[in-house]
C-alpha atoms as a PDB file:
ATOM      1  CA  UNK A   1       9.057   5.966  32.258  1.00  0.00           C
ATOM      2  CA  UNK A   2       5.428   6.443  33.298  1.00  0.00           C
ATOM      3  CA  UNK A   3       4.587   3.720  36.100  1.00  0.00           C
ATOM      4  CA  UNK A   4       0.845   2.172  35.279  1.00  0.00           C
ATOM      5  CA  UNK A   5      -1.649   0.716  38.083  1.00  0.00           C
ATOM      6  CA  UNK A   6      -3.678  -1.748  36.218  1.00  0.00           C
ATOM      7  CA  UNK A   7      -5.827  -4.431  37.724  1.00  0.00           C
ATOM      8  CA  UNK A   8      -5.419  -8.613  35.623  1.00  0.00           C
ATOM      9  CA  UNK A   9      -7.169 -11.309  36.231  1.00  0.00           C
ATOM     10  CA  UNK A  10      -5.325 -14.359  38.249  1.00  0.00           C
ATOM     11  CA  UNK A  11      -4.564 -16.190  35.163  1.00  0.00           C
ATOM     12  CA  UNK A  12      -3.120 -13.289  33.513  1.00  0.00           C
ATOM     13  CA  UNK A  13      -0.866 -12.538  36.759  1.00  0.00           C
ATOM     14  CA  UNK A  14       0.274 -16.575  35.882  1.00  0.00           C
ATOM     15  CA  UNK A  15       0.882 -16.417  32.915  1.00  0.00           C
ATOM     16  CA  UNK A  16       2.757 -13.084  33.666  1.00  0.00           C
ATOM     17  CA  UNK A  17       5.149 -15.132  36.245  1.00  0.00           C
ATOM     18  CA  UNK A  18       5.123 -18.142  33.633  1.00  0.00           C
ATOM     19  CA  UNK A  19       7.237 -15.625  31.313  1.00  0.00           C
ATOM     20  CA  UNK A  20       9.788 -14.567  34.719  1.00  0.00           C
ATOM     21  CA  UNK A  21      10.057 -18.240  35.633  1.00  0.00           C
ATOM     22  CA  UNK A  22      10.851 -19.211  32.294  1.00  0.00           C
ATOM     23  CA  UNK A  23      13.250 -16.534  31.636  1.00  0.00           C
ATOM     24  CA  UNK A  24      11.127 -15.234  28.802  1.00  0.00           C
ATOM     25  CA  UNK A  25      10.734 -11.637  30.828  1.00  0.00           C
ATOM     26  CA  UNK A  26      13.627 -11.027  33.265  1.00  0.00           C
ATOM     27  CA  UNK A  27      10.803  -9.525  35.458  1.00  0.00           C
ATOM     28  CA  UNK A  28       7.122  -8.273  35.437  1.00  0.00           C
ATOM     29  CA  UNK A  29       7.027  -5.053  34.217  1.00  0.00           C
ATOM     30  CA  UNK A  30       9.312  -6.772  31.193  1.00  0.00           C
ATOM     31  CA  UNK A  31       6.817  -8.533  30.675  1.00  0.00           C
ATOM     32  CA  UNK A  32       3.935  -6.507  30.171  1.00  0.00           C
ATOM     33  CA  UNK A  33       5.717  -4.624  28.381  1.00  0.00           C
ATOM     34  CA  UNK A  34       7.501  -7.254  25.798  1.00  0.00           C
ATOM     35  CA  UNK A  35       3.431  -8.243  25.608  1.00  0.00           C
ATOM     36  CA  UNK A  36       2.631  -4.489  24.956  1.00  0.00           C
ATOM     37  CA  UNK A  37       5.636  -4.426  22.185  1.00  0.00           C
ATOM     38  CA  UNK A  38       4.072  -7.670  20.437  1.00  0.00           C
ATOM     39  CA  UNK A  39       0.499  -6.407  20.182  1.00  0.00           C
ATOM     40  CA  UNK A  40       1.924  -3.267  18.883  1.00  0.00           C
ATOM     41  CA  UNK A  41       4.121  -5.241  16.200  1.00  0.00           C
ATOM     42  CA  UNK A  42       1.178  -7.259  15.484  1.00  0.00           C
ATOM     43  CA  UNK A  43      -1.247  -4.269  14.496  1.00  0.00           C
ATOM     44  CA  UNK A  44       1.386  -2.953  12.439  1.00  0.00           C
ATOM     45  CA  UNK A  45       1.069  -6.188  10.454  1.00  0.00           C
ATOM     46  CA  UNK A  46      -2.724  -6.527  10.580  1.00  0.00           C
ATOM     47  CA  UNK A  47      -2.487  -2.263   8.590  1.00  0.00           C
ATOM     48  CA  UNK A  48       0.230  -3.953   6.130  1.00  0.00           C
ATOM     49  CA  UNK A  49      -1.705  -6.650   5.316  1.00  0.00           C
ATOM     50  CA  UNK A  50      -4.891  -4.835   5.029  1.00  0.00           C
ATOM     51  CA  UNK A  51      -3.089  -2.271   2.267  1.00  0.00           C
ATOM     52  CA  UNK A  52      -1.952  -4.666   0.431  1.00  0.00           C
ATOM     53  CA  UNK A  53      -5.353  -6.369   0.483  1.00  0.00           C
ATOM     54  CA  UNK A  54      -6.724  -3.368  -0.823  1.00  0.00           C
ATOM     55  CA  UNK A  55      -4.457  -2.958  -3.605  1.00  0.00           C
ATOM     56  CA  UNK A  56      -5.151  -5.765  -4.731  1.00  0.00           C
ATOM     57  CA  UNK A  57      -8.977  -5.437  -4.535  1.00  0.00           C
ATOM     58  CA  UNK A  58      -7.965  -1.921  -6.619  1.00  0.00           C
ATOM     59  CA  UNK A  59      -9.425   0.066  -3.697  1.00  0.00           C
ATOM     60  CA  UNK A  60      -5.738   1.424  -3.207  1.00  0.00           C
ATOM     61  CA  UNK A  61      -4.233   4.558  -4.681  1.00  0.00           C
ATOM     62  CA  UNK A  62      -0.903   3.610  -5.991  1.00  0.00           C
ATOM     63  CA  UNK A  63       1.698   6.235  -7.413  1.00  0.00           C
ATOM     64  CA  UNK A  64       4.186   9.110  -6.113  1.00  0.00           C
ATOM     65  CA  UNK A  65       3.234  10.295  -2.319  1.00  0.00           C
ATOM     66  CA  UNK A  66       4.318  13.580  -3.237  1.00  0.00           C
ATOM     67  CA  UNK A  67       1.846  13.887  -6.727  1.00  0.00           C
ATOM     68  CA  UNK A  68      -1.367  12.159  -4.929  1.00  0.00           C
ATOM     69  CA  UNK A  69      -1.167  14.749  -2.179  1.00  0.00           C
ATOM     70  CA  UNK A  70      -1.081  17.469  -4.543  1.00  0.00           C
ATOM     71  CA  UNK A  71      -4.302  16.174  -5.926  1.00  0.00           C
ATOM     72  CA  UNK A  72      -5.406  15.979  -2.783  1.00  0.00           C
END
């Protein structure tokens, strides 16, 4: 695992400490890793929603992926 040193604001530090105090995170490092994981999940959901919107608007492609790749 890599260690990363990042400056944070006082409000961010308080939020992290509150997560630890409430038991939602075991420690500060866990709180930050948890937040990054949640952001990654939100980004993945956003991509899926955007893809669904593209399909619904007719801008996406449908079909067998292998066949589609051969056409490209």
